[in-house]
Amino acid sequence: MTCMMPLCVHAENIPSIYISTAEQNGLGLEKADGYTNALIQVTNGETIIVNGTGMIKVRGNSTAEAPKKPYKIKLDTKQNLFGMGMAKKWVLLANCFDPTMLRNALAFDLAKELGLAYTSQYTFAEVWMDGTYLGCYQLTEPVEAKNTRVNIDADEGDFLIEYEKSRSSPDDIYLVAEGWRYRISEPEIPTKQQLSHIEAVMSEAQRAVRSGTYDAIPEILDIESFAKFYLLNEIFKTNDFGYSSVYFYYQDEKLYAGPVWDFDLSAGNTNAAFSIGYTNAVNPEELYATTCHFFTYLLQYPEFEQEVARIYAEHYDYIESLYVPGGRIDQLREQYAGAFGRNYQIWDISESYTILMKNPKPTYEENIAYLKDWLRKRNHWLSEYYNIFDDFPRGDINHDGAVSVLDLVLLKKYLLKQETFTQMQFKAGDLNWRYGWPDVNIYDLILLKKILLNLSE
């Protein structure tokens, strides 16, 4: 087996991964084939940082059937790829169902912002297989129990499981607790005693949330992680949230929600004609994740909903920064523009690669604009639902804690189209909202002048 493609250096120094399979059959691999031996070379865009042996296989469920396939890499020796920690196993997400290729990245970014532990780190990279360019992929950490990933100890009773409503794999072990089905991720090969322990913990947790008494729930569930996990999936309206790719881990005698995973069919990227659930998922308004496993019951408790609202308000600015001009979407698009462009030279962006996804727009820019607009509308609707701005001081447009002439200057610039407002600024500047005029206009400027005159008297 010989290696490799010559090092391809792009001006933007995007990481590259070259895979050479033992049989030179990488392009024809299917999920059922399992692992195949390969030489694997990883560059940082300028120099080679890994040049070794390992194995690769096709991964995923519906994504494994796509023409641009996702892969799992298993290196023979641990490597610290791009500062993500020493490990052998890595995932290449194809993001074939997401024409922006950004939804998984944005969800991981938000999860880190919220403080959800063990969120997978990632970078985008270009991939070659047996000398053929495959496109741009998202190199990321898989959800697995390792000291550099989900750092739990199965010998101490800890475990990592995935809610799996119906899918089955002959290589995996499943259990049912109180009617809900789970795939066991860690321990990898559980003993009967460990299985009984996991079933007992999950049964106790499920009985607690169904009991109708909130006091017992925080004794077994980490409420903060469950609230953050719910909020993220509610914001993105994650398609798989009620079916699979929903992880929980048990650590130090408490059950935690997460890590997060699988967001290509989210944020409005679902086929509304597929089912009623998909119709709801594509709509940026209304609640979505309220009927999924634990959250069906947790959201009946005012204490839990208040915790969700608190976390939402605390992180509202970051959520808004995902889609505003110059925000996270624009930053990622600019950083990886070259790789995304080369990806869509070989993959048709306008093609729907699964019946589950929304029909894409004909250009990358249009798909980006749709994603930004969907997130903006989603965030606006949720902020109204949770009354994020009820106690926000009207007139304090620059958020410095006081109404002053600086706010008047900002409002004038907005009316002259010299300034754009975030939703929070819009709410602060909409002083005449009580009179049935939900807009920022010249009348708000007049009211703000009156407020300033009264303050100066």
Protein backbone atom coordinates (compact mmCIF):
# COMPACT_ATOMS: atom_id res chain seq x y z
CA MET A 1 0.00 0.00 0.00
CA THR A 2 1.53 3.29 -1.04
CA CYS A 3 0.70 6.83 -0.14
CA MET A 4 -0.24 9.57 -0.94
CA MET A 5 -1.57 12.48 -2.91
CA PRO A 6 0.97 15.28 -3.25
CA LEU A 7 0.41 17.96 -0.64
CA CYS A 8 -2.18 20.43 -1.96
CA VAL A 9 -1.68 23.89 -0.50
CA HIS A 10 -4.51 26.40 -0.83
CA ALA A 11 -4.16 30.09 -0.07
CA GLU A 12 -6.49 29.79 2.92
CA ASN A 13 -4.48 26.87 4.43
CA ILE A 14 -7.51 24.64 4.98
CA PRO A 15 -6.71 21.21 6.50
CA SER A 16 -6.53 18.31 4.06
CA ILE A 17 -6.95 14.57 4.62
CA TYR A 18 -5.65 11.97 2.13
CA ILE A 19 -6.87 8.39 2.49
CA SER A 20 -5.40 5.50 0.52
CA THR A 21 -7.21 2.19 1.09
CA ALA A 22 -5.38 -1.15 0.97
CA GLU A 23 -7.46 -2.42 -1.94
CA GLN A 24 -7.90 0.98 -3.57
CA ASN A 25 -11.66 0.43 -3.19
CA GLY A 26 -12.50 3.39 -0.95
CA LEU A 27 -14.87 5.01 -3.44
CA GLY A 28 -17.05 1.91 -3.50
CA LEU A 29 -17.25 1.28 0.24
CA GLU A 30 -20.68 0.81 1.85
CA LYS A 31 -21.61 0.75 5.53
CA ALA A 32 -22.04 -3.03 5.49
CA ASP A 33 -18.38 -3.46 4.46
CA GLY A 34 -17.16 -2.30 7.87
CA TYR A 35 -13.58 -1.18 8.39
CA THR A 36 -10.89 -1.39 5.71
CA ASN A 37 -7.18 -0.78 6.17
CA ALA A 38 -5.78 2.50 4.92
CA LEU A 39 -2.88 4.88 4.94
CA ILE A 40 -3.99 8.26 6.27
CA GLN A 41 -2.25 11.57 5.83
CA VAL A 42 -3.45 14.76 7.52
CA THR A 43 -2.10 18.22 6.77
CA ASN A 44 -2.76 21.60 8.33
CA GLY A 45 -2.87 23.14 4.87
CA GLU A 46 0.88 23.71 4.76
CA THR A 47 2.67 20.77 6.37
CA ILE A 48 1.98 17.11 7.09
CA ILE A 49 1.01 16.54 10.74
CA VAL A 50 -0.03 12.86 10.53
CA ASN A 51 1.29 10.25 8.11
CA GLY A 52 0.31 6.84 9.41
CA THR A 53 -1.84 3.76 9.20
CA GLY A 54 -5.35 3.01 10.36
CA MET A 55 -8.77 1.98 9.16
CA ILE A 56 -11.83 3.70 7.74
CA LYS A 57 -15.47 2.79 7.30
CA VAL A 58 -18.70 4.37 6.12
CA ARG A 59 -20.77 5.62 9.08
CA GLY A 60 -24.21 7.09 9.69
CA ASN A 61 -27.76 5.92 9.09
CA SER A 62 -29.65 7.66 6.28
CA THR A 63 -26.49 9.66 5.50
CA ALA A 64 -24.64 6.39 4.77
CA GLU A 65 -26.88 5.98 1.72
CA ALA A 66 -25.99 9.40 0.30
CA PRO A 67 -23.60 9.71 -2.65
CA LYS A 68 -21.24 11.86 -0.55
CA LYS A 69 -20.68 9.44 2.30
CA PRO A 70 -19.57 10.17 5.87
CA TYR A 71 -16.70 8.15 7.35
CA LYS A 72 -15.21 7.07 10.63
CA ILE A 73 -11.42 7.00 10.89
CA LYS A 74 -9.61 4.76 13.37
CA LEU A 75 -5.90 5.53 13.52
CA ASP A 76 -3.46 2.89 14.77
CA THR A 77 -1.92 5.41 17.18
CA LYS A 78 -3.49 8.28 19.08
CA GLN A 79 -3.13 11.69 17.48
CA ASN A 80 -4.01 15.18 18.66
CA LEU A 81 -5.65 16.57 15.54
CA PHE A 82 -5.89 20.38 15.53
CA GLY A 83 -5.83 20.63 19.30
CA MET A 84 -8.87 18.41 19.84
CA GLY A 85 -7.07 15.95 22.15
CA MET A 86 -5.27 12.64 21.78
CA ALA A 87 -7.50 9.94 20.27
CA LYS A 88 -7.61 7.22 17.64
CA LYS A 89 -11.19 7.62 16.43
CA TRP A 90 -12.39 10.57 14.35
CA VAL A 91 -15.47 11.30 12.26
CA LEU A 92 -15.75 12.92 8.84
CA LEU A 93 -19.24 14.41 8.54
CA ALA A 94 -20.18 14.86 4.89
CA ASN A 95 -23.04 17.32 5.60
CA CYS A 96 -24.51 16.09 2.32
CA PHE A 97 -28.09 16.83 3.41
CA ASP A 98 -27.25 20.42 4.42
CA PRO A 99 -26.58 22.72 1.45
CA THR A 100 -24.86 25.27 3.73
CA MET A 101 -22.70 22.59 5.45
CA LEU A 102 -22.95 24.77 8.59
CA ARG A 103 -25.83 23.47 10.70
CA ASN A 104 -23.78 20.91 12.65
CA ALA A 105 -21.03 23.46 13.24
CA LEU A 106 -23.47 26.13 14.44
CA ALA A 107 -25.19 23.69 16.81
CA PHE A 108 -21.84 22.57 18.26
CA ASP A 109 -20.83 26.22 18.69
CA LEU A 110 -24.06 27.02 20.50
CA ALA A 111 -23.70 23.94 22.71
CA LYS A 112 -20.26 25.15 23.79
CA GLU A 113 -21.62 28.64 24.41
CA LEU A 114 -24.37 27.17 26.60
CA GLY A 115 -21.79 25.17 28.53
CA LEU A 116 -22.97 21.68 27.56
CA ALA A 117 -20.12 19.40 28.61
CA TYR A 118 -18.25 17.18 26.17
CA THR A 119 -19.48 18.96 23.05
CA SER A 120 -17.52 17.68 20.04
CA GLN A 121 -14.80 19.94 18.69
CA TYR A 122 -14.43 20.26 14.91
CA THR A 123 -12.70 21.80 11.94
CA PHE A 124 -13.54 21.72 8.26
CA ALA A 125 -11.16 19.80 5.99
CA GLU A 126 -10.92 18.74 2.38
CA VAL A 127 -10.75 15.00 1.75
CA TRP A 128 -9.22 12.82 -0.97
CA MET A 129 -9.95 9.08 -1.26
CA ASP A 130 -7.63 6.91 -3.35
CA GLY A 131 -6.58 9.95 -5.35
CA THR A 132 -10.12 11.31 -5.91
CA TYR A 133 -11.29 14.58 -4.38
CA LEU A 134 -14.41 13.97 -2.25
CA GLY A 135 -15.12 17.54 -1.19
CA CYS A 136 -15.25 19.48 2.07
CA TYR A 137 -15.97 17.54 5.26
CA GLN A 138 -16.35 18.40 8.92
CA LEU A 139 -13.64 16.61 10.90
CA THR A 140 -15.00 16.15 14.41
CA GLU A 141 -14.81 14.10 17.57
CA PRO A 142 -17.27 11.21 17.78
CA VAL A 143 -19.47 10.89 20.85
CA GLU A 144 -17.54 8.29 22.82
CA ALA A 145 -16.34 7.66 26.36
CA LYS A 146 -12.67 8.64 26.54
CA ASN A 147 -10.73 10.86 28.90
CA THR A 148 -10.40 13.51 26.17
CA ARG A 149 -14.09 13.19 25.22
CA VAL A 150 -16.97 12.02 27.44
CA ASN A 151 -14.82 11.54 30.51
CA ILE A 152 -16.74 8.95 32.52
CA ASP A 153 -15.73 5.82 34.40
CA ALA A 154 -17.83 2.71 33.74
CA ASP A 155 -16.10 0.93 36.63
CA GLU A 156 -17.68 3.52 38.95
CA GLY A 157 -21.18 2.99 37.54
CA ASP A 158 -21.03 5.74 34.91
CA PHE A 159 -22.49 5.13 31.45
CA LEU A 160 -23.22 6.76 28.08
CA ILE A 161 -26.40 5.90 26.16
CA GLU A 162 -28.32 7.05 23.11
CA TYR A 163 -32.11 7.26 22.89
CA GLU A 164 -32.93 5.05 19.91
CA LYS A 165 -36.61 4.71 19.14
CA SER A 166 -36.43 1.97 16.50
CA ARG A 167 -33.14 1.67 14.61
CA SER A 168 -31.11 -1.49 15.19
CA SER A 169 -27.58 -2.61 14.46
CA PRO A 170 -26.27 -6.15 15.03
CA ASP A 171 -23.09 -4.65 16.49
CA ASP A 172 -24.91 -2.74 19.24
CA ILE A 173 -26.60 -3.58 22.53
CA TYR A 174 -29.99 -2.10 23.44
CA LEU A 175 -32.20 -2.04 26.49
CA VAL A 176 -35.72 -0.83 27.26
CA ALA A 177 -36.46 1.06 30.49
CA GLU A 178 -40.03 2.05 31.33
CA GLY A 179 -40.97 1.78 27.65
CA TRP A 180 -38.09 3.89 26.27
CA ARG A 181 -35.36 2.22 24.21
CA TYR A 182 -31.65 3.00 24.42
CA ARG A 183 -28.45 1.96 22.67
CA ILE A 184 -25.55 1.35 25.06
CA SER A 185 -22.42 3.29 24.08
CA GLU A 186 -20.41 2.86 27.27
CA PRO A 187 -19.66 0.32 28.70
CA GLU A 188 -18.81 -0.96 25.23
CA ILE A 189 -19.51 -4.56 26.23
CA PRO A 190 -21.65 -4.27 29.38
CA THR A 191 -21.99 -7.08 31.87
CA LYS A 192 -25.42 -8.24 33.06
CA GLN A 193 -24.82 -6.32 36.28
CA GLN A 194 -24.01 -3.13 34.37
CA LEU A 195 -27.09 -3.53 32.18
CA SER A 196 -29.26 -3.95 35.25
CA HIS A 197 -27.69 -0.85 36.77
CA ILE A 198 -28.33 1.24 33.64
CA GLU A 199 -31.93 0.04 33.42
CA ALA A 200 -32.49 0.83 37.10
CA VAL A 201 -31.08 4.37 36.78
CA MET A 202 -33.09 5.15 33.64
CA SER A 203 -36.27 3.70 35.12
CA GLU A 204 -35.84 5.77 38.28
CA ALA A 205 -35.23 8.93 36.22
CA GLN A 206 -38.28 8.32 34.06
CA ARG A 207 -40.52 7.59 37.02
CA ALA A 208 -39.30 10.79 38.68
CA VAL A 209 -40.22 13.04 35.75
CA ARG A 210 -43.59 11.33 35.42
CA SER A 211 -44.39 11.54 39.14
CA GLY A 212 -45.97 15.00 39.05
CA THR A 213 -43.71 16.15 41.88
CA TYR A 214 -40.78 18.32 40.87
CA ASP A 215 -38.79 18.09 44.11
CA ALA A 216 -37.47 14.58 43.44
CA ILE A 217 -36.29 15.31 39.88
CA PRO A 218 -33.14 17.37 40.66
CA GLU A 219 -31.97 14.53 42.88
CA ILE A 220 -31.30 12.33 39.84
CA LEU A 221 -31.34 14.67 36.82
CA ASP A 222 -28.91 17.52 36.25
CA ILE A 223 -31.60 20.10 35.52
CA GLU A 224 -29.27 22.68 34.01
CA SER A 225 -27.91 20.31 31.34
CA PHE A 226 -31.43 19.11 30.49
CA ALA A 227 -32.65 22.70 30.14
CA LYS A 228 -29.71 23.67 27.92
CA PHE A 229 -30.07 20.52 25.83
CA TYR A 230 -33.77 21.16 25.33
CA LEU A 231 -33.25 24.83 24.48
CA LEU A 232 -30.66 24.09 21.80
CA ASN A 233 -32.84 21.46 20.13
CA GLU A 234 -35.89 23.70 20.38
CA ILE A 235 -34.05 26.58 18.73
CA PHE A 236 -32.87 24.37 15.86
CA LYS A 237 -36.04 22.23 15.69
CA THR A 238 -33.79 19.19 15.36
CA ASN A 239 -35.49 16.59 13.19
CA ASP A 240 -34.08 13.51 14.94
CA PHE A 241 -34.71 14.77 18.47
CA GLY A 242 -37.60 12.38 19.07
CA TYR A 243 -36.02 9.40 17.35
CA SER A 244 -32.25 8.97 17.70
CA SER A 245 -28.88 10.75 18.11
CA VAL A 246 -30.07 11.91 21.55
CA TYR A 247 -27.41 11.15 24.16
CA PHE A 248 -27.45 10.99 27.95
CA TYR A 249 -24.62 10.19 30.32
CA TYR A 250 -24.57 9.19 33.95
CA GLN A 251 -21.74 10.57 36.09
CA ASP A 252 -21.27 10.93 39.85
CA GLU A 253 -24.78 9.54 40.47
CA LYS A 254 -26.58 12.05 38.24
CA LEU A 255 -28.03 11.79 34.76
CA TYR A 256 -26.94 14.51 32.30
CA ALA A 257 -28.33 15.42 28.88
CA GLY A 258 -25.86 15.40 25.99
CA PRO A 259 -23.53 15.52 24.22
CA VAL A 260 -25.34 17.01 21.22
CA TRP A 261 -25.20 15.34 17.80
CA ASP A 262 -26.71 15.34 14.30
CA PHE A 263 -28.11 18.67 13.06
CA ASP A 264 -27.98 18.41 9.27
CA LEU A 265 -31.79 18.09 9.16
CA SER A 266 -32.56 21.04 11.40
CA ALA A 267 -33.08 24.82 11.27
CA GLY A 268 -35.74 24.64 8.58
CA ASN A 269 -33.99 21.98 6.48
CA THR A 270 -36.80 19.42 6.41
CA ASN A 271 -39.25 18.38 3.72
CA ALA A 272 -42.62 19.75 4.82
CA ALA A 273 -44.43 17.24 2.59
CA PHE A 274 -42.86 14.21 4.26
CA SER A 275 -45.00 14.21 7.42
CA ILE A 276 -46.85 16.45 9.87
CA GLY A 277 -43.78 16.47 12.11
CA TYR A 278 -41.61 17.64 9.24
CA THR A 279 -44.14 20.35 8.41
CA ASN A 280 -43.79 21.63 11.97
CA ALA A 281 -39.99 21.36 11.84
CA VAL A 282 -39.67 23.60 8.78
CA ASN A 283 -41.86 26.31 10.38
CA PRO A 284 -39.74 28.84 12.33
CA GLU A 285 -42.62 29.39 14.74
CA GLU A 286 -44.31 27.19 17.38
CA LEU A 287 -42.72 24.75 19.84
CA TYR A 288 -41.33 21.46 18.55
CA ALA A 289 -39.27 19.47 21.05
CA THR A 290 -41.90 19.45 23.79
CA THR A 291 -43.17 15.93 23.04
CA CYS A 292 -39.81 14.12 23.04
CA HIS A 293 -38.92 11.58 25.75
CA PHE A 294 -37.98 13.32 29.06
CA PHE A 295 -39.11 16.74 27.90
CA THR A 296 -42.71 15.63 27.43
CA TYR A 297 -42.87 15.59 31.22
CA LEU A 298 -40.22 18.12 32.30
CA LEU A 299 -41.96 20.95 30.48
CA GLN A 300 -45.10 20.39 32.55
CA TYR A 301 -43.20 21.81 35.52
CA PRO A 302 -43.02 25.65 35.76
CA GLU A 303 -39.64 25.33 37.50
CA PHE A 304 -38.09 23.63 34.47
CA GLU A 305 -39.59 26.05 31.98
CA GLN A 306 -38.31 28.96 34.08
CA GLU A 307 -34.82 27.45 33.96
CA VAL A 308 -35.04 27.22 30.16
CA ALA A 309 -36.15 30.87 29.97
CA ARG A 310 -33.32 31.96 32.28
CA ILE A 311 -30.68 30.23 30.16
CA TYR A 312 -32.21 31.58 26.96
CA ALA A 313 -32.15 35.16 28.22
CA GLU A 314 -28.58 34.76 29.47
CA HIS A 315 -27.35 33.58 26.06
CA TYR A 316 -29.69 35.56 23.84
CA ASP A 317 -26.97 37.84 22.47
CA TYR A 318 -24.90 34.88 21.31
CA ILE A 319 -27.90 33.18 19.69
CA GLU A 320 -28.65 36.36 17.79
CA SER A 321 -24.99 36.65 16.78
CA LEU A 322 -25.26 33.42 14.80
CA TYR A 323 -27.18 35.06 11.97
CA VAL A 324 -26.64 38.83 12.12
CA PRO A 325 -24.34 40.49 9.52
CA GLY A 326 -20.77 39.60 10.40
CA GLY A 327 -21.96 36.90 12.83
CA ARG A 328 -20.91 33.27 13.14
CA ILE A 329 -22.50 32.16 9.86
CA ASP A 330 -20.69 34.90 7.95
CA GLN A 331 -17.43 34.15 9.78
CA LEU A 332 -17.50 30.43 8.89
CA ARG A 333 -18.58 31.15 5.34
CA GLU A 334 -15.66 33.53 4.88
CA GLN A 335 -13.10 31.29 6.58
CA TYR A 336 -13.95 28.24 4.48
CA ALA A 337 -15.21 29.93 1.31
CA GLY A 338 -12.59 28.26 -0.87
CA ALA A 339 -13.31 24.75 0.42
CA PHE A 340 -17.08 25.21 0.22
CA GLY A 341 -16.72 26.51 -3.34
CA ARG A 342 -14.59 23.54 -4.41
CA ASN A 343 -17.05 21.17 -2.74
CA TYR A 344 -19.88 22.48 -4.88
CA GLN A 345 -17.82 22.17 -8.02
CA ILE A 346 -18.29 18.40 -7.73
CA TRP A 347 -21.59 18.19 -5.81
CA ASP A 348 -24.79 19.77 -7.11
CA ILE A 349 -25.99 22.19 -4.45
CA SER A 350 -29.49 22.32 -5.92
CA GLU A 351 -30.01 18.55 -5.65
CA SER A 352 -32.08 17.05 -2.84
CA TYR A 353 -30.04 14.05 -1.66
CA THR A 354 -32.80 12.60 0.52
CA ILE A 355 -36.58 12.83 0.67
CA LEU A 356 -36.14 14.07 4.26
CA MET A 357 -34.46 17.38 3.38
CA LYS A 358 -35.97 20.60 2.08
CA ASN A 359 -35.43 21.29 -1.62
CA PRO A 360 -32.27 23.42 -1.67
CA LYS A 361 -31.95 26.83 -3.25
CA PRO A 362 -29.97 26.98 -6.54
CA THR A 363 -26.95 28.85 -5.09
CA TYR A 364 -24.86 28.70 -1.94
CA GLU A 365 -25.62 32.33 -1.11
CA GLU A 366 -29.36 31.72 -1.33
CA ASN A 367 -29.10 28.71 1.00
CA ILE A 368 -27.09 30.78 3.46
CA ALA A 369 -29.69 33.56 3.27
CA TYR A 370 -32.47 31.05 3.95
CA LEU A 371 -30.66 29.65 7.00
CA LYS A 372 -30.00 33.13 8.43
CA ASP A 373 -33.58 34.22 7.85
CA TRP A 374 -34.96 31.01 9.40
CA LEU A 375 -32.82 31.40 12.54
CA ARG A 376 -33.77 35.07 12.80
CA LYS A 377 -37.49 34.27 12.62
CA ARG A 378 -37.05 31.36 15.04
CA ASN A 379 -35.22 33.47 17.57
CA HIS A 380 -37.77 36.27 17.31
CA TRP A 381 -40.65 33.88 17.89
CA LEU A 382 -38.99 32.19 20.87
CA SER A 383 -38.03 35.53 22.42
CA GLU A 384 -41.69 36.52 22.33
CA TYR A 385 -42.77 33.15 23.72
CA TYR A 386 -40.35 33.42 26.65
CA ASN A 387 -40.91 37.17 27.11
CA ILE A 388 -37.19 37.82 26.97
CA PHE A 389 -37.62 41.58 26.64
CA ASP A 390 -40.48 42.19 29.08
CA ASP A 391 -38.22 43.82 31.64
CA PHE A 392 -35.87 45.40 29.14
CA PRO A 393 -35.62 49.20 29.53
CA ARG A 394 -37.22 50.93 26.55
CA GLY A 395 -34.99 53.56 25.03
CA ASP A 396 -31.68 52.00 26.14
CA ILE A 397 -30.73 51.07 22.58
CA ASN A 398 -26.99 50.71 23.18
CA HIS A 399 -27.52 48.54 26.31
CA ASP A 400 -25.33 50.64 28.59
CA GLY A 401 -27.87 50.67 31.39
CA ALA A 402 -29.10 54.23 30.85
CA VAL A 403 -31.23 56.18 28.37
CA SER A 404 -29.08 58.97 26.96
CA VAL A 405 -28.31 61.06 23.92
CA LEU A 406 -26.18 58.17 22.64
CA ASP A 407 -29.38 56.16 22.19
CA LEU A 408 -30.93 59.09 20.32
CA VAL A 409 -27.96 59.16 17.93
CA LEU A 410 -28.30 55.42 17.27
CA LEU A 411 -32.03 55.76 16.60
CA LYS A 412 -31.43 58.62 14.13
CA LYS A 413 -28.83 56.53 12.29
CA TYR A 414 -31.26 53.61 12.13
CA LEU A 415 -34.01 55.79 10.63
CA LEU A 416 -31.50 57.16 8.10
CA LYS A 417 -30.55 53.55 7.20
CA GLN A 418 -27.02 54.16 8.42
CA GLU A 419 -27.34 51.53 11.16
CA THR A 420 -28.95 48.10 11.50
CA PHE A 421 -30.57 46.96 14.75
CA THR A 422 -30.44 43.64 16.52
CA GLN A 423 -33.78 42.42 17.81
CA MET A 424 -32.89 43.62 21.30
CA GLN A 425 -32.08 47.08 19.95
CA PHE A 426 -35.30 47.06 17.93
CA LYS A 427 -37.31 46.26 21.07
CA ALA A 428 -35.54 48.99 23.01
CA GLY A 429 -36.17 51.53 20.26
CA ASP A 430 -39.83 50.63 19.71
CA LEU A 431 -41.16 53.07 22.30
CA ASN A 432 -44.68 53.36 20.86
CA TRP A 433 -45.37 49.62 20.90
CA ARG A 434 -48.08 50.08 23.55
CA TYR A 435 -50.06 52.15 21.07
CA GLY A 436 -50.31 49.32 18.57
CA TRP A 437 -47.46 50.43 16.29
CA PRO A 438 -44.96 47.51 16.32
CA ASP A 439 -42.28 49.36 14.38
CA VAL A 440 -39.38 51.74 14.91
CA ASN A 441 -40.20 55.01 13.21
CA ILE A 442 -40.16 58.80 13.55
CA TYR A 443 -42.71 58.65 16.35
CA ASP A 444 -40.27 56.63 18.46
CA LEU A 445 -37.68 59.33 17.85
CA ILE A 446 -40.12 61.96 19.12
CA LEU A 447 -40.92 59.89 22.23
CA LEU A 448 -37.23 59.33 22.95
CA LYS A 449 -36.59 63.08 22.74
CA LYS A 450 -39.42 63.64 25.24
CA ILE A 451 -37.93 61.04 27.59
CA LEU A 452 -34.54 62.76 27.43
CA LEU A 453 -36.11 66.18 28.08
CA ASN A 454 -37.92 64.81 31.14
CA LEU A 455 -34.72 63.21 32.41
CA SER A 456 -32.84 66.51 32.07
CA GLU A 457 -35.45 68.50 33.98
